[in-house]
Amino acid sequence: MEQCRADLIRLGKLNKKPEKRKVNTVLKETALFSLYASDGSGISRSF
């Protein structure tokens, strides 16, 4: 029983990490997009 709970916790941690990384990637892409959009010349590069 204890081992099973530990495995579930480990699975939960493994599942949370990629989600956080995905959010960080989206935030970086959004920041890059707004940077290029305000630049004007780099809009095509941001897509």
PDB file of N, CA and C in Angstrom:
ATOM      1  N   MET A   1       0.834  -1.213   0.000  1.00  0.00           N
ATOM      2  CA  MET A   1       0.000   0.000   0.000  1.00  0.00           C
ATOM      3  C   MET A   1       0.865   1.258   0.000  1.00  0.00           C
ATOM      4  N   GLU A   2       1.882   1.271   0.852  1.00  0.00           N
ATOM      5  CA  GLU A   2       2.758   2.442   0.934  1.00  0.00           C
ATOM      6  C   GLU A   2       3.520   2.658  -0.374  1.00  0.00           C
ATOM      7  N   GLN A   3       3.990   1.551  -0.964  1.00  0.00           N
ATOM      8  CA  GLN A   3       4.719   1.629  -2.230  1.00  0.00           C
ATOM      9  C   GLN A   3       3.825   2.182  -3.340  1.00  0.00           C
ATOM     10  N   CYS A   4       2.586   1.748  -3.331  1.00  0.00           N
ATOM     11  CA  CYS A   4       1.633   2.206  -4.340  1.00  0.00           C
ATOM     12  C   CYS A   4       1.439   3.720  -4.253  1.00  0.00           C
ATOM     13  N   ARG A   5       1.325   4.233  -3.029  1.00  0.00           N
ATOM     14  CA  ARG A   5       1.137   5.670  -2.848  1.00  0.00           C
ATOM     15  C   ARG A   5       2.368   6.441  -3.304  1.00  0.00           C
ATOM     16  N   ALA A   6       3.550   5.894  -3.010  1.00  0.00           N
ATOM     17  CA  ALA A   6       4.788   6.541  -3.434  1.00  0.00           C
ATOM     18  C   ALA A   6       4.863   6.610  -4.954  1.00  0.00           C
ATOM     19  N   ASP A   7       4.439   5.528  -5.612  1.00  0.00           N
ATOM     20  CA  ASP A   7       4.433   5.506  -7.075  1.00  0.00           C
ATOM     21  C   ASP A   7       3.461   6.543  -7.633  1.00  0.00           C
ATOM     22  N   LEU A   8       2.300   6.671  -7.009  1.00  0.00           N
ATOM     23  CA  LEU A   8       1.321   7.661  -7.457  1.00  0.00           C
ATOM     24  C   LEU A   8       1.859   9.079  -7.297  1.00  0.00           C
ATOM     25  N   ILE A   9       2.535   9.324  -6.178  1.00  0.00           N
ATOM     26  CA  ILE A   9       3.119  10.647  -5.938  1.00  0.00           C
ATOM     27  C   ILE A   9       4.183  10.942  -6.991  1.00  0.00           C
ATOM     28  N   ARG A  10       5.018   9.914  -7.273  1.00  0.00           N
ATOM     29  CA  ARG A  10       6.070  10.099  -8.275  1.00  0.00           C
ATOM     30  C   ARG A  10       5.462  10.372  -9.644  1.00  0.00           C
ATOM     31  N   LEU A  11       4.388   9.630  -9.979  1.00  0.00           N
ATOM     32  CA  LEU A  11       3.701   9.856 -11.248  1.00  0.00           C
ATOM     33  C   LEU A  11       3.131  11.270 -11.303  1.00  0.00           C
ATOM     34  N   GLY A  12       2.561  11.715 -10.194  1.00  0.00           N
ATOM     35  CA  GLY A  12       2.015  13.062 -10.138  1.00  0.00           C
ATOM     36  C   GLY A  12       3.076  14.116 -10.372  1.00  0.00           C
ATOM     37  N   LYS A  13       4.256  13.910  -9.768  1.00  0.00           N
ATOM     38  CA  LYS A  13       5.350  14.860  -9.955  1.00  0.00           C
ATOM     39  C   LYS A  13       5.838  14.857 -11.393  1.00  0.00           C
ATOM     40  N   LEU A  14       5.914  13.653 -11.990  1.00  0.00           N
ATOM     41  CA  LEU A  14       6.353  13.552 -13.379  1.00  0.00           C
ATOM     42  C   LEU A  14       5.355  14.235 -14.309  1.00  0.00           C
ATOM     43  N   ASN A  15       4.063  14.118 -13.973  1.00  0.00           N
ATOM     44  CA  ASN A  15       3.039  14.717 -14.813  1.00  0.00           C
ATOM     45  C   ASN A  15       3.011  16.238 -14.685  1.00  0.00           C
ATOM     46  N   LYS A  16       3.360  16.753 -13.516  1.00  0.00           N
ATOM     47  CA  LYS A  16       3.297  18.201 -13.307  1.00  0.00           C
ATOM     48  C   LYS A  16       4.451  18.926 -14.003  1.00  0.00           C
ATOM     49  N   LYS A  17       5.624  18.309 -14.009  1.00  0.00           N
ATOM     50  CA  LYS A  17       6.797  18.999 -14.548  1.00  0.00           C
ATOM     51  C   LYS A  17       6.671  19.397 -16.022  1.00  0.00           C
ATOM     52  N   PRO A  18       6.273  18.479 -16.929  1.00  0.00           N
ATOM     53  CA  PRO A  18       6.156  18.880 -18.332  1.00  0.00           C
ATOM     54  C   PRO A  18       5.122  19.987 -18.531  1.00  0.00           C
ATOM     55  N   GLU A  19       4.067  19.955 -17.715  1.00  0.00           N
ATOM     56  CA  GLU A  19       3.028  20.981 -17.816  1.00  0.00           C
ATOM     57  C   GLU A  19       3.613  22.349 -17.507  1.00  0.00           C
ATOM     58  N   LYS A  20       4.432  22.413 -16.455  1.00  0.00           N
ATOM     59  CA  LYS A  20       5.061  23.674 -16.074  1.00  0.00           C
ATOM     60  C   LYS A  20       6.007  24.149 -17.173  1.00  0.00           C
ATOM     61  N   ARG A  21       6.747  23.188 -17.753  1.00  0.00           N
ATOM     62  CA  ARG A  21       7.679  23.528 -18.819  1.00  0.00           C
ATOM     63  C   ARG A  21       6.922  24.050 -20.036  1.00  0.00           C
ATOM     64  N   LYS A  22       5.754  23.445 -20.302  1.00  0.00           N
ATOM     65  CA  LYS A  22       4.939  23.872 -21.431  1.00  0.00           C
ATOM     66  C   LYS A  22       4.472  25.308 -21.231  1.00  0.00           C
ATOM     67  N   VAL A  23       4.046  25.628 -20.014  1.00  0.00           N
ATOM     68  CA  VAL A  23       3.593  26.985 -19.696  1.00  0.00           C
ATOM     69  C   VAL A  23       4.738  27.975 -19.877  1.00  0.00           C
ATOM     70  N   ASN A  24       5.937  27.602 -19.414  1.00  0.00           N
ATOM     71  CA  ASN A  24       7.098  28.472 -19.571  1.00  0.00           C
ATOM     72  C   ASN A  24       7.402  28.719 -21.041  1.00  0.00           C
ATOM     73  N   THR A  25       7.284  27.672 -21.870  1.00  0.00           N
ATOM     74  CA  THR A  25       7.535  27.806 -23.303  1.00  0.00           C
ATOM     75  C   THR A  25       6.529  28.760 -23.927  1.00  0.00           C
ATOM     76  N   VAL A  26       5.268  28.610 -23.543  1.00  0.00           N
ATOM     77  CA  VAL A  26       4.221  29.490 -24.077  1.00  0.00           C
ATOM     78  C   VAL A  26       4.492  30.933 -23.671  1.00  0.00           C
ATOM     79  N   LEU A  27       4.905  31.142 -22.423  1.00  0.00           N
ATOM     80  CA  LEU A  27       5.201  32.494 -21.952  1.00  0.00           C
ATOM     81  C   LEU A  27       6.365  33.092 -22.728  1.00  0.00           C
ATOM     82  N   LYS A  28       7.404  32.276 -22.980  1.00  0.00           N
ATOM     83  CA  LYS A  28       8.552  32.760 -23.746  1.00  0.00           C
ATOM     84  C   LYS A  28       8.141  33.121 -25.160  1.00  0.00           C
ATOM     85  N   GLU A  29       7.320  32.251 -25.792  1.00  0.00           N
ATOM     86  CA  GLU A  29       6.869  32.517 -27.158  1.00  0.00           C
ATOM     87  C   GLU A  29       6.017  33.774 -27.212  1.00  0.00           C
ATOM     88  N   THR A  30       5.171  33.971 -26.203  1.00  0.00           N
ATOM     89  CA  THR A  30       4.341  35.172 -26.151  1.00  0.00           C
ATOM     90  C   THR A  30       5.206  36.415 -25.999  1.00  0.00           C
ATOM     91  N   ALA A  31       6.241  36.315 -25.160  1.00  0.00           N
ATOM     92  CA  ALA A  31       7.152  37.439 -24.963  1.00  0.00           C
ATOM     93  C   ALA A  31       7.897  37.750 -26.251  1.00  0.00           C
ATOM     94  N   LEU A  32       8.359  36.697 -26.948  1.00  0.00           N
ATOM     95  CA  LEU A  32       9.047  36.890 -28.222  1.00  0.00           C
ATOM     96  C   LEU A  32       8.107  37.514 -29.240  1.00  0.00           C
ATOM     97  N   PHE A  33       6.859  37.032 -29.271  1.00  0.00           N
ATOM     98  CA  PHE A  33       5.879  37.549 -30.223  1.00  0.00           C
ATOM     99  C   PHE A  33       5.642  39.038 -30.000  1.00  0.00           C
ATOM    100  N   SER A  34       5.420  39.441 -28.748  1.00  0.00           N
ATOM    101  CA  SER A  34       5.150  40.849 -28.460  1.00  0.00           C
ATOM    102  C   SER A  34       6.384  41.696 -28.746  1.00  0.00           C
ATOM    103  N   LEU A  35       7.575  41.106 -28.542  1.00  0.00           N
ATOM    104  CA  LEU A  35       8.822  41.812 -28.834  1.00  0.00           C
ATOM    105  C   LEU A  35       8.925  42.089 -30.333  1.00  0.00           C
ATOM    106  N   TYR A  36       8.680  41.048 -31.140  1.00  0.00           N
ATOM    107  CA  TYR A  36       8.743  41.202 -32.593  1.00  0.00           C
ATOM    108  C   TYR A  36       7.625  42.105 -33.099  1.00  0.00           C
ATOM    109  N   ALA A  37       6.430  41.964 -32.515  1.00  0.00           N
ATOM    110  CA  ALA A  37       5.284  42.748 -32.962  1.00  0.00           C
ATOM    111  C   ALA A  37       5.528  44.236 -32.719  1.00  0.00           C
ATOM    112  N   SER A  38       6.124  44.575 -31.580  1.00  0.00           N
ATOM    113  CA  SER A  38       6.403  45.978 -31.292  1.00  0.00           C
ATOM    114  C   SER A  38       7.563  46.481 -32.150  1.00  0.00           C
ATOM    115  N   ASP A  39       8.443  45.548 -32.562  1.00  0.00           N
ATOM    116  CA  ASP A  39       9.578  45.886 -33.409  1.00  0.00           C
ATOM    117  C   ASP A  39       9.094  46.284 -34.798  1.00  0.00           C
ATOM    118  N   GLY A  40       8.108  45.549 -35.322  1.00  0.00           N
ATOM    119  CA  GLY A  40       7.556  45.860 -36.629  1.00  0.00           C
ATOM    120  C   GLY A  40       8.236  45.088 -37.740  1.00  0.00           C
ATOM    121  N   SER A  41       9.567  45.067 -37.751  1.00  0.00           N
ATOM    122  CA  SER A  41      10.300  44.418 -38.839  1.00  0.00           C
ATOM    123  C   SER A  41      10.364  42.910 -38.660  1.00  0.00           C
ATOM    124  N   GLY A  42      10.174  42.421 -37.437  1.00  0.00           N
ATOM    125  CA  GLY A  42      10.356  40.994 -37.168  1.00  0.00           C
ATOM    126  C   GLY A  42       9.075  40.204 -37.045  1.00  0.00           C
ATOM    127  N   ILE A  43       7.941  40.772 -37.464  1.00  0.00           N
ATOM    128  CA  ILE A  43       6.659  40.094 -37.268  1.00  0.00           C
ATOM    129  C   ILE A  43       6.642  38.736 -37.970  1.00  0.00           C
ATOM    130  N   SER A  44       7.169  38.657 -39.196  1.00  0.00           N
ATOM    131  CA  SER A  44       7.148  37.395 -39.933  1.00  0.00           C
ATOM    132  C   SER A  44       8.008  36.341 -39.251  1.00  0.00           C
ATOM    133  N   ARG A  45       9.053  36.768 -38.556  1.00  0.00           N
ATOM    134  CA  ARG A  45       9.946  35.830 -37.877  1.00  0.00           C
ATOM    135  C   ARG A  45       9.283  35.211 -36.642  1.00  0.00           C
ATOM    136  N   SER A  46       8.299  35.884 -36.048  1.00  0.00           N
ATOM    137  CA  SER A  46       7.713  35.417 -34.796  1.00  0.00           C
ATOM    138  C   SER A  46       6.725  34.279 -35.013  1.00  0.00           C
ATOM    139  N   PHE A  47       6.289  34.034 -36.245  1.00  0.00           N
ATOM    140  CA  PHE A  47       5.288  32.989 -36.477  1.00  0.00           C
ATOM    141  C   PHE A  47       5.934  31.646 -36.729  1.00  0.00           C
TER     142      PHE A  47
END
